[in-house]
PDB file of all heavy atoms in Angstrom:
ATOM      1  N   VAL A   1     -24.606  -1.580  -7.808  1.00  0.00           N
ATOM      2  CA  VAL A   1     -23.824  -2.410  -6.881  1.00  0.00           C
ATOM      3  C   VAL A   1     -23.019  -3.446  -7.658  1.00  0.00           C
ATOM      4  O   VAL A   1     -21.809  -3.618  -7.438  1.00  0.00           O
ATOM      5  CB  VAL A   1     -24.757  -3.105  -5.864  1.00  0.00           C
ATOM      6  CG1 VAL A   1     -24.022  -4.235  -5.150  1.00  0.00           C
ATOM      7  CG2 VAL A   1     -25.275  -2.104  -4.847  1.00  0.00           C
ATOM      8  N   ARG A   2     -23.671  -4.141  -8.582  1.00  0.00           N
ATOM      9  CA  ARG A   2     -22.978  -5.168  -9.379  1.00  0.00           C
ATOM     10  C   ARG A   2     -21.917  -4.547 -10.272  1.00  0.00           C
ATOM     11  O   ARG A   2     -20.847  -5.133 -10.472  1.00  0.00           O
ATOM     12  CB  ARG A   2     -23.987  -5.949 -10.225  1.00  0.00           C
ATOM     13  CG  ARG A   2     -24.855  -6.888  -9.402  1.00  0.00           C
ATOM     14  CD  ARG A   2     -25.658  -7.825 -10.280  1.00  0.00           C
ATOM     15  NE  ARG A   2     -26.419  -8.770  -9.479  1.00  0.00           N
ATOM     16  CZ  ARG A   2     -25.937  -9.907  -8.998  1.00  0.00           C
ATOM     17  NH1 ARG A   2     -24.675 -10.230  -9.240  1.00  0.00           N
ATOM     18  NH2 ARG A   2     -26.692 -10.707  -8.282  1.00  0.00           N
ATOM     19  N   LYS A   3     -22.190  -3.364 -10.793  1.00  0.00           N
ATOM     20  CA  LYS A   3     -21.211  -2.690 -11.640  1.00  0.00           C
ATOM     21  C   LYS A   3     -19.943  -2.376 -10.845  1.00  0.00           C
ATOM     22  O   LYS A   3     -18.815  -2.558 -11.338  1.00  0.00           O
ATOM     23  CB  LYS A   3     -21.818  -1.401 -12.210  1.00  0.00           C
ATOM     24  CG  LYS A   3     -20.937  -0.704 -13.234  1.00  0.00           C
ATOM     25  CD  LYS A   3     -21.526   0.632 -13.659  1.00  0.00           C
ATOM     26  CE  LYS A   3     -22.839   0.452 -14.381  1.00  0.00           C
ATOM     27  NZ  LYS A   3     -23.368   1.761 -14.880  1.00  0.00           N
ATOM     28  N   THR A   4     -20.113  -1.903  -9.619  1.00  0.00           N
ATOM     29  CA  THR A   4     -18.965  -1.578  -8.762  1.00  0.00           C
ATOM     30  C   THR A   4     -18.149  -2.833  -8.440  1.00  0.00           C
ATOM     31  O   THR A   4     -16.914  -2.831  -8.521  1.00  0.00           O
ATOM     32  CB  THR A   4     -19.446  -0.921  -7.454  1.00  0.00           C
ATOM     33  OG1 THR A   4     -20.169   0.269  -7.755  1.00  0.00           O
ATOM     34  CG2 THR A   4     -18.273  -0.576  -6.553  1.00  0.00           C
ATOM     35  N   VAL A   5     -18.848  -3.908  -8.070  1.00  0.00           N
ATOM     36  CA  VAL A   5     -18.162  -5.165  -7.750  1.00  0.00           C
ATOM     37  C   VAL A   5     -17.473  -5.734  -8.987  1.00  0.00           C
ATOM     38  O   VAL A   5     -16.309  -6.160  -8.924  1.00  0.00           O
ATOM     39  CB  VAL A   5     -19.159  -6.191  -7.159  1.00  0.00           C
ATOM     40  CG1 VAL A   5     -18.493  -7.561  -6.991  1.00  0.00           C
ATOM     41  CG2 VAL A   5     -19.698  -5.703  -5.818  1.00  0.00           C
ATOM     42  N   ASN A   6     -18.157  -5.723 -10.127  1.00  0.00           N
ATOM     43  CA  ASN A   6     -17.571  -6.250 -11.366  1.00  0.00           C
ATOM     44  C   ASN A   6     -16.336  -5.467 -11.793  1.00  0.00           C
ATOM     45  O   ASN A   6     -15.378  -6.040 -12.329  1.00  0.00           O
ATOM     46  CB  ASN A   6     -18.606  -6.236 -12.494  1.00  0.00           C
ATOM     47  CG  ASN A   6     -19.679  -7.292 -12.318  1.00  0.00           C
ATOM     48  OD1 ASN A   6     -19.483  -8.246 -11.567  1.00  0.00           O
ATOM     49  ND2 ASN A   6     -20.808  -7.125 -12.985  1.00  0.00           N
ATOM     50  N   ARG A   7     -16.362  -4.159 -11.543  1.00  0.00           N
ATOM     51  CA  ARG A   7     -15.206  -3.333 -11.900  1.00  0.00           C
ATOM     52  C   ARG A   7     -13.970  -3.764 -11.110  1.00  0.00           C
ATOM     53  O   ARG A   7     -12.876  -3.907 -11.671  1.00  0.00           O
ATOM     54  CB  ARG A   7     -15.527  -1.858 -11.635  1.00  0.00           C
ATOM     55  CG  ARG A   7     -14.498  -0.884 -12.193  1.00  0.00           C
ATOM     56  CD  ARG A   7     -14.844   0.545 -11.846  1.00  0.00           C
ATOM     57  NE  ARG A   7     -16.146   0.927 -12.389  1.00  0.00           N
ATOM     58  CZ  ARG A   7     -17.181   1.309 -11.651  1.00  0.00           C
ATOM     59  NH1 ARG A   7     -17.078   1.364 -10.326  1.00  0.00           N
ATOM     60  NH2 ARG A   7     -18.310   1.646 -12.222  1.00  0.00           N
ATOM     61  N   LEU A   8     -14.153  -4.003  -9.814  1.00  0.00           N
ATOM     62  CA  LEU A   8     -13.025  -4.454  -8.989  1.00  0.00           C
ATOM     63  C   LEU A   8     -12.606  -5.873  -9.361  1.00  0.00           C
ATOM     64  O   LEU A   8     -11.413  -6.186  -9.397  1.00  0.00           O
ATOM     65  CB  LEU A   8     -13.410  -4.385  -7.505  1.00  0.00           C
ATOM     66  CG  LEU A   8     -13.263  -3.020  -6.837  1.00  0.00           C
ATOM     67  CD1 LEU A   8     -13.919  -3.025  -5.461  1.00  0.00           C
ATOM     68  CD2 LEU A   8     -11.799  -2.621  -6.725  1.00  0.00           C
ATOM     69  N   GLN A   9     -13.572  -6.737  -9.650  1.00  0.00           N
ATOM     70  CA  GLN A   9     -13.241  -8.104 -10.048  1.00  0.00           C
ATOM     71  C   GLN A   9     -12.455  -8.126 -11.353  1.00  0.00           C
ATOM     72  O   GLN A   9     -11.531  -8.933 -11.511  1.00  0.00           O
ATOM     73  CB  GLN A   9     -14.519  -8.939 -10.190  1.00  0.00           C
ATOM     74  CG  GLN A   9     -15.169  -9.287  -8.863  1.00  0.00           C
ATOM     75  CD  GLN A   9     -16.413 -10.128  -9.036  1.00  0.00           C
ATOM     76  OE1 GLN A   9     -17.235  -9.865  -9.914  1.00  0.00           O
ATOM     77  NE2 GLN A   9     -16.569 -11.140  -8.205  1.00  0.00           N
ATOM     78  N   THR A  10     -12.803  -7.250 -12.280  1.00  0.00           N
ATOM     79  CA  THR A  10     -12.068  -7.162 -13.549  1.00  0.00           C
ATOM     80  C   THR A  10     -10.631  -6.741 -13.314  1.00  0.00           C
ATOM     81  O   THR A  10      -9.695  -7.276 -13.925  1.00  0.00           O
ATOM     82  CB  THR A  10     -12.763  -6.163 -14.492  1.00  0.00           C
ATOM     83  OG1 THR A  10     -14.113  -6.588 -14.735  1.00  0.00           O
ATOM     84  CG2 THR A  10     -12.036  -6.056 -15.819  1.00  0.00           C
ATOM     85  N   ARG A  11     -10.432  -5.805 -12.409  1.00  0.00           N
ATOM     86  CA  ARG A  11      -9.073  -5.364 -12.088  1.00  0.00           C
ATOM     87  C   ARG A  11      -8.278  -6.492 -11.416  1.00  0.00           C
ATOM     88  O   ARG A  11      -7.072  -6.650 -11.671  1.00  0.00           O
ATOM     89  CB  ARG A  11      -9.123  -4.132 -11.178  1.00  0.00           C
ATOM     90  CG  ARG A  11      -9.683  -2.878 -11.850  1.00  0.00           C
ATOM     91  CD  ARG A  11      -9.770  -1.722 -10.875  1.00  0.00           C
ATOM     92  NE  ARG A  11      -8.440  -1.312 -10.418  1.00  0.00           N
ATOM     93  CZ  ARG A  11      -8.236  -0.447  -9.423  1.00  0.00           C
ATOM     94  NH1 ARG A  11      -9.288   0.086  -8.776  1.00  0.00           N
ATOM     95  NH2 ARG A  11      -7.019  -0.124  -9.060  1.00  0.00           N
ATOM     96  N   ILE A  12      -8.942  -7.273 -10.571  1.00  0.00           N
ATOM     97  CA  ILE A  12      -8.276  -8.414  -9.928  1.00  0.00           C
ATOM     98  C   ILE A  12      -7.868  -9.445 -10.972  1.00  0.00           C
ATOM     99  O   ILE A  12      -6.748  -9.990 -10.942  1.00  0.00           O
ATOM    100  CB  ILE A  12      -9.186  -9.056  -8.862  1.00  0.00           C
ATOM    101  CG1 ILE A  12      -9.402  -8.097  -7.689  1.00  0.00           C
ATOM    102  CG2 ILE A  12      -8.598 -10.373  -8.353  1.00  0.00           C
ATOM    103  CD1 ILE A  12     -10.463  -8.553  -6.702  1.00  0.00           C
ATOM    104  N   ALA A  13      -8.763  -9.743 -11.919  1.00  0.00           N
ATOM    105  CA  ALA A  13      -8.462 -10.713 -12.978  1.00  0.00           C
ATOM    106  C   ALA A  13      -7.285 -10.242 -13.831  1.00  0.00           C
ATOM    107  O   ALA A  13      -6.401 -11.032 -14.179  1.00  0.00           O
ATOM    108  CB  ALA A  13      -9.700 -10.938 -13.843  1.00  0.00           C
ATOM    109  N   LYS A  14      -7.264  -8.960 -14.160  1.00  0.00           N
ATOM    110  CA  LYS A  14      -6.170  -8.396 -14.968  1.00  0.00           C
ATOM    111  C   LYS A  14      -4.841  -8.501 -14.222  1.00  0.00           C
ATOM    112  O   LYS A  14      -3.821  -8.908 -14.797  1.00  0.00           O
ATOM    113  CB  LYS A  14      -6.474  -6.937 -15.309  1.00  0.00           C
ATOM    114  CG  LYS A  14      -5.439  -6.263 -16.192  1.00  0.00           C
ATOM    115  CD  LYS A  14      -5.895  -4.859 -16.559  1.00  0.00           C
ATOM    116  CE  LYS A  14      -4.910  -4.176 -17.514  1.00  0.00           C
ATOM    117  NZ  LYS A  14      -3.618  -3.889 -16.867  1.00  0.00           N
ATOM    118  N   ALA A  15      -4.838  -8.149 -12.945  1.00  0.00           N
ATOM    119  CA  ALA A  15      -3.615  -8.254 -12.145  1.00  0.00           C
ATOM    120  C   ALA A  15      -3.166  -9.712 -12.006  1.00  0.00           C
ATOM    121  O   ALA A  15      -1.962  -9.998 -11.971  1.00  0.00           O
ATOM    122  CB  ALA A  15      -3.841  -7.635 -10.770  1.00  0.00           C
ATOM    123  N   THR A  16      -4.120 -10.633 -11.937  1.00  0.00           N
ATOM    124  CA  THR A  16      -3.787 -12.058 -11.858  1.00  0.00           C
ATOM    125  C   THR A  16      -3.108 -12.527 -13.140  1.00  0.00           C
ATOM    126  O   THR A  16      -2.099 -13.240 -13.099  1.00  0.00           O
ATOM    127  CB  THR A  16      -5.056 -12.897 -11.599  1.00  0.00           C
ATOM    128  OG1 THR A  16      -5.663 -12.469 -10.380  1.00  0.00           O
ATOM    129  CG2 THR A  16      -4.711 -14.378 -11.495  1.00  0.00           C
ATOM    130  N   ARG A  17      -3.667 -12.146 -14.302  1.00  0.00           N
ATOM    131  CA  ARG A  17      -3.058 -12.518 -15.583  1.00  0.00           C
ATOM    132  C   ARG A  17      -1.634 -11.993 -15.697  1.00  0.00           C
ATOM    133  O   ARG A  17      -0.757 -12.654 -16.255  1.00  0.00           O
ATOM    134  CB  ARG A  17      -3.902 -11.985 -16.746  1.00  0.00           C
ATOM    135  CG  ARG A  17      -5.145 -12.790 -17.036  1.00  0.00           C
ATOM    136  CD  ARG A  17      -5.742 -12.419 -18.397  1.00  0.00           C
ATOM    137  NE  ARG A  17      -6.103 -11.017 -18.473  1.00  0.00           N
ATOM    138  CZ  ARG A  17      -7.278 -10.525 -18.114  1.00  0.00           C
ATOM    139  NH1 ARG A  17      -8.224 -11.348 -17.655  1.00  0.00           N
ATOM    140  NH2 ARG A  17      -7.541  -9.235 -18.218  1.00  0.00           N
ATOM    141  N   GLU A  18      -1.413 -10.801 -15.148  1.00  0.00           N
ATOM    142  CA  GLU A  18      -0.081 -10.191 -15.206  1.00  0.00           C
ATOM    143  C   GLU A  18       0.813 -10.641 -14.056  1.00  0.00           C
ATOM    144  O   GLU A  18       1.955 -10.181 -13.940  1.00  0.00           O
ATOM    145  CB  GLU A  18      -0.228  -8.671 -15.200  1.00  0.00           C
ATOM    146  CG  GLU A  18      -0.954  -8.132 -16.429  1.00  0.00           C
ATOM    147  CD  GLU A  18      -1.283  -6.650 -16.324  1.00  0.00           C
ATOM    148  OE1 GLU A  18      -1.034  -6.064 -15.240  1.00  0.00           O
ATOM    149  OE2 GLU A  18      -1.786  -6.080 -17.310  1.00  0.00           O
ATOM    150  N   GLU A  19       0.273 -11.521 -13.198  1.00  0.00           N
ATOM    151  CA  GLU A  19       1.008 -12.066 -12.045  1.00  0.00           C
ATOM    152  C   GLU A  19       1.515 -10.980 -11.111  1.00  0.00           C
ATOM    153  O   GLU A  19       2.595 -11.093 -10.519  1.00  0.00           O
ATOM    154  CB  GLU A  19       2.144 -12.976 -12.514  1.00  0.00           C
ATOM    155  CG  GLU A  19       1.657 -14.184 -13.302  1.00  0.00           C
ATOM    156  CD  GLU A  19       2.765 -15.157 -13.660  1.00  0.00           C
ATOM    157  OE1 GLU A  19       3.944 -14.875 -13.297  1.00  0.00           O
ATOM    158  OE2 GLU A  19       2.474 -16.183 -14.283  1.00  0.00           O
ATOM    159  N   LYS A  20       0.741  -9.941 -10.952  1.00  0.00           N
ATOM    160  CA  LYS A  20       1.065  -8.874 -10.003  1.00  0.00           C
ATOM    161  C   LYS A  20       0.354  -9.186  -8.686  1.00  0.00           C
ATOM    162  O   LYS A  20      -0.695  -8.624  -8.361  1.00  0.00           O
ATOM    163  CB  LYS A  20       0.620  -7.515 -10.559  1.00  0.00           C
ATOM    164  CG  LYS A  20       1.345  -7.116 -11.838  1.00  0.00           C
ATOM    165  CD  LYS A  20       0.840  -5.773 -12.357  1.00  0.00           C
ATOM    166  CE  LYS A  20       1.579  -5.353 -13.622  1.00  0.00           C
ATOM    167  NZ  LYS A  20       1.076  -4.062 -14.169  1.00  0.00           N
ATOM    168  N   TRP A  21       0.930 -10.096  -7.910  1.00  0.00           N
ATOM    169  CA  TRP A  21       0.239 -10.660  -6.754  1.00  0.00           C
ATOM    170  C   TRP A  21       0.047  -9.667  -5.618  1.00  0.00           C
ATOM    171  O   TRP A  21      -0.942  -9.757  -4.876  1.00  0.00           O
ATOM    172  CB  TRP A  21       0.977 -11.913  -6.279  1.00  0.00           C
ATOM    173  CG  TRP A  21       1.036 -12.953  -7.368  1.00  0.00           C
ATOM    174  CD1 TRP A  21       2.137 -13.387  -8.039  1.00  0.00           C
ATOM    175  CD2 TRP A  21      -0.085 -13.653  -7.938  1.00  0.00           C
ATOM    176  NE1 TRP A  21       1.783 -14.315  -8.983  1.00  0.00           N
ATOM    177  CE2 TRP A  21       0.436 -14.507  -8.940  1.00  0.00           C
ATOM    178  CE3 TRP A  21      -1.460 -13.643  -7.701  1.00  0.00           C
ATOM    179  CZ2 TRP A  21      -0.386 -15.338  -9.709  1.00  0.00           C
ATOM    180  CZ3 TRP A  21      -2.285 -14.468  -8.456  1.00  0.00           C
ATOM    181  CH2 TRP A  21      -1.748 -15.299  -9.444  1.00  0.00           C
ATOM    182  N   ASN A  22       0.960  -8.725  -5.472  1.00  0.00           N
ATOM    183  CA  ASN A  22       0.765  -7.694  -4.441  1.00  0.00           C
ATOM    184  C   ASN A  22      -0.427  -6.802  -4.787  1.00  0.00           C
ATOM    185  O   ASN A  22      -1.200  -6.405  -3.904  1.00  0.00           O
ATOM    186  CB  ASN A  22       2.024  -6.842  -4.288  1.00  0.00           C
ATOM    187  CG  ASN A  22       3.142  -7.580  -3.580  1.00  0.00           C
ATOM    188  OD1 ASN A  22       2.885  -8.479  -2.771  1.00  0.00           O
ATOM    189  ND2 ASN A  22       4.381  -7.232  -3.877  1.00  0.00           N
ATOM    190  N   LEU A  23      -0.580  -6.517  -6.085  1.00  0.00           N
ATOM    191  CA  LEU A  23      -1.718  -5.729  -6.530  1.00  0.00           C
ATOM    192  C   LEU A  23      -3.013  -6.520  -6.354  1.00  0.00           C
ATOM    193  O   LEU A  23      -4.040  -5.962  -5.950  1.00  0.00           O
ATOM    194  CB  LEU A  23      -1.538  -5.314  -7.993  1.00  0.00           C
ATOM    195  CG  LEU A  23      -2.682  -4.501  -8.615  1.00  0.00           C
ATOM    196  CD1 LEU A  23      -2.928  -3.220  -7.822  1.00  0.00           C
ATOM    197  CD2 LEU A  23      -2.377  -4.184 -10.085  1.00  0.00           C
ATOM    198  N   VAL A  24      -2.966  -7.818  -6.651  1.00  0.00           N
ATOM    199  CA  VAL A  24      -4.133  -8.679  -6.442  1.00  0.00           C
ATOM    200  C   VAL A  24      -4.579  -8.602  -4.986  1.00  0.00           C
ATOM    201  O   VAL A  24      -5.774  -8.448  -4.692  1.00  0.00           O
ATOM    202  CB  VAL A  24      -3.814 -10.147  -6.825  1.00  0.00           C
ATOM    203  CG1 VAL A  24      -4.922 -11.087  -6.347  1.00  0.00           C
ATOM    204  CG2 VAL A  24      -3.645 -10.284  -8.327  1.00  0.00           C
ATOM    205  N   LYS A  25      -3.620  -8.692  -4.087  1.00  0.00           N
ATOM    206  CA  LYS A  25      -3.932  -8.662  -2.656  1.00  0.00           C
ATOM    207  C   LYS A  25      -4.576  -7.346  -2.254  1.00  0.00           C
ATOM    208  O   LYS A  25      -5.558  -7.315  -1.498  1.00  0.00           O
ATOM    209  CB  LYS A  25      -2.648  -8.902  -1.856  1.00  0.00           C
ATOM    210  CG  LYS A  25      -2.856  -9.077  -0.366  1.00  0.00           C
ATOM    211  CD  LYS A  25      -1.542  -9.433   0.319  1.00  0.00           C
ATOM    212  CE  LYS A  25      -1.749  -9.637   1.813  1.00  0.00           C
ATOM    213  NZ  LYS A  25      -0.472  -9.989   2.497  1.00  0.00           N
ATOM    214  N   ARG A  26      -4.043  -6.227  -2.775  1.00  0.00           N
ATOM    215  CA  ARG A  26      -4.588  -4.911  -2.427  1.00  0.00           C
ATOM    216  C   ARG A  26      -6.011  -4.744  -2.982  1.00  0.00           C
ATOM    217  O   ARG A  26      -6.895  -4.199  -2.309  1.00  0.00           O
ATOM    218  CB  ARG A  26      -3.678  -3.798  -2.955  1.00  0.00           C
ATOM    219  CG  ARG A  26      -2.332  -3.704  -2.256  1.00  0.00           C
ATOM    220  CD  ARG A  26      -1.674  -2.354  -2.493  1.00  0.00           C
ATOM    221  NE  ARG A  26      -1.395  -2.126  -3.904  1.00  0.00           N
ATOM    222  CZ  ARG A  26      -0.278  -2.504  -4.524  1.00  0.00           C
ATOM    223  NH1 ARG A  26       0.659  -3.161  -3.844  1.00  0.00           N
ATOM    224  NH2 ARG A  26      -0.090  -2.235  -5.792  1.00  0.00           N
ATOM    225  N   LEU A  27      -6.216  -5.203  -4.200  1.00  0.00           N
ATOM    226  CA  LEU A  27      -7.540  -5.082  -4.816  1.00  0.00           C
ATOM    227  C   LEU A  27      -8.564  -5.982  -4.125  1.00  0.00           C
ATOM    228  O   LEU A  27      -9.730  -5.594  -3.957  1.00  0.00           O
ATOM    229  CB  LEU A  27      -7.456  -5.439  -6.304  1.00  0.00           C
ATOM    230  CG  LEU A  27      -6.690  -4.452  -7.189  1.00  0.00           C
ATOM    231  CD1 LEU A  27      -6.484  -5.028  -8.580  1.00  0.00           C
ATOM    232  CD2 LEU A  27      -7.437  -3.108  -7.270  1.00  0.00           C
ATOM    233  N   GLN A  28      -8.131  -7.165  -3.702  1.00  0.00           N
ATOM    234  CA  GLN A  28      -9.026  -8.040  -2.944  1.00  0.00           C
ATOM    235  C   GLN A  28      -9.425  -7.391  -1.620  1.00  0.00           C
ATOM    236  O   GLN A  28     -10.581  -7.510  -1.185  1.00  0.00           O
ATOM    237  CB  GLN A  28      -8.359  -9.386  -2.690  1.00  0.00           C
ATOM    238  CG  GLN A  28      -8.295 -10.291  -3.904  1.00  0.00           C
ATOM    239  CD  GLN A  28      -7.679 -11.636  -3.575  1.00  0.00           C
ATOM    240  OE1 GLN A  28      -6.672 -11.716  -2.853  1.00  0.00           O
ATOM    241  NE2 GLN A  28      -8.263 -12.699  -4.087  1.00  0.00           N
ATOM    242  N   TYR A  29      -8.481  -6.709  -1.006  1.00  0.00           N
ATOM    243  CA  TYR A  29      -8.784  -6.006   0.245  1.00  0.00           C
ATOM    244  C   TYR A  29      -9.843  -4.922   0.000  1.00  0.00           C
ATOM    245  O   TYR A  29     -10.806  -4.790   0.773  1.00  0.00           O
ATOM    246  CB  TYR A  29      -7.511  -5.391   0.828  1.00  0.00           C
ATOM    247  CG  TYR A  29      -7.732  -4.658   2.134  1.00  0.00           C
ATOM    248  CD1 TYR A  29      -7.626  -5.338   3.354  1.00  0.00           C
ATOM    249  CD2 TYR A  29      -8.056  -3.297   2.154  1.00  0.00           C
ATOM    250  CE1 TYR A  29      -7.842  -4.677   4.553  1.00  0.00           C
ATOM    251  CE2 TYR A  29      -8.267  -2.634   3.340  1.00  0.00           C
ATOM    252  CZ  TYR A  29      -8.161  -3.321   4.541  1.00  0.00           C
ATOM    253  OH  TYR A  29      -8.390  -2.669   5.727  1.00  0.00           O
ATOM    254  N   LEU A  30      -9.670  -4.170  -1.081  1.00  0.00           N
ATOM    255  CA  LEU A  30     -10.649  -3.134  -1.414  1.00  0.00           C
ATOM    256  C   LEU A  30     -12.032  -3.734  -1.634  1.00  0.00           C
ATOM    257  O   LEU A  30     -13.049  -3.191  -1.184  1.00  0.00           O
ATOM    258  CB  LEU A  30     -10.210  -2.393  -2.680  1.00  0.00           C
ATOM    259  CG  LEU A  30      -9.034  -1.420  -2.563  1.00  0.00           C
ATOM    260  CD1 LEU A  30      -8.696  -0.838  -3.929  1.00  0.00           C
ATOM    261  CD2 LEU A  30      -9.374  -0.292  -1.583  1.00  0.00           C
ATOM    262  N   LEU A  31     -12.071  -4.886  -2.305  1.00  0.00           N
ATOM    263  CA  LEU A  31     -13.359  -5.515  -2.607  1.00  0.00           C
ATOM    264  C   LEU A  31     -14.037  -6.034  -1.342  1.00  0.00           C
ATOM    265  O   LEU A  31     -15.228  -5.785  -1.119  1.00  0.00           O
ATOM    266  CB  LEU A  31     -13.147  -6.660  -3.603  1.00  0.00           C
ATOM    267  CG  LEU A  31     -14.403  -7.430  -4.034  1.00  0.00           C
ATOM    268  CD1 LEU A  31     -15.443  -6.497  -4.622  1.00  0.00           C
ATOM    269  CD2 LEU A  31     -14.055  -8.520  -5.030  1.00  0.00           C
ATOM    270  N   THR A  32     -13.297  -6.759  -0.513  1.00  0.00           N
ATOM    271  CA  THR A  32     -13.911  -7.358   0.678  1.00  0.00           C
ATOM    272  C   THR A  32     -14.269  -6.325   1.745  1.00  0.00           C
ATOM    273  O   THR A  32     -14.998  -6.646   2.678  1.00  0.00           O
ATOM    274  CB  THR A  32     -12.984  -8.416   1.299  1.00  0.00           C
ATOM    275  OG1 THR A  32     -11.694  -7.834   1.581  1.00  0.00           O
ATOM    276  CG2 THR A  32     -12.807  -9.609   0.368  1.00  0.00           C
ATOM    277  N   HIS A  33     -13.763  -5.113   1.597  1.00  0.00           N
ATOM    278  CA  HIS A  33     -14.105  -4.054   2.546  1.00  0.00           C
ATOM    279  C   HIS A  33     -15.036  -3.011   1.931  1.00  0.00           C
ATOM    280  O   HIS A  33     -15.322  -1.997   2.565  1.00  0.00           O
ATOM    281  CB  HIS A  33     -12.832  -3.374   3.072  1.00  0.00           C
ATOM    282  CG  HIS A  33     -12.034  -4.239   3.993  1.00  0.00           C
ATOM    283  ND1 HIS A  33     -11.273  -5.307   3.539  1.00  0.00           N
ATOM    284  CD2 HIS A  33     -11.892  -4.234   5.347  1.00  0.00           C
ATOM    285  CE1 HIS A  33     -10.687  -5.895   4.581  1.00  0.00           C
ATOM    286  NE2 HIS A  33     -11.050  -5.271   5.673  1.00  0.00           N
ATOM    287  N   SER A  34     -15.490  -3.266   0.712  1.00  0.00           N
ATOM    288  CA  SER A  34     -16.357  -2.288   0.052  1.00  0.00           C
ATOM    289  C   SER A  34     -17.811  -2.483   0.456  1.00  0.00           C
ATOM    290  O   SER A  34     -18.278  -3.604   0.676  1.00  0.00           O
ATOM    291  CB  SER A  34     -16.217  -2.403  -1.472  1.00  0.00           C
ATOM    292  OG  SER A  34     -16.918  -3.524  -1.968  1.00  0.00           O
TER     293      SER A  34
END
């Protein structure tokens, strides 16, 4: 469970660093609905 959540959180952090805010939003949606 933690591995799955951490994987999505890592992708969110990477998209944040790259300032890809639409991608951040989509990944957050995936996480909060997982």
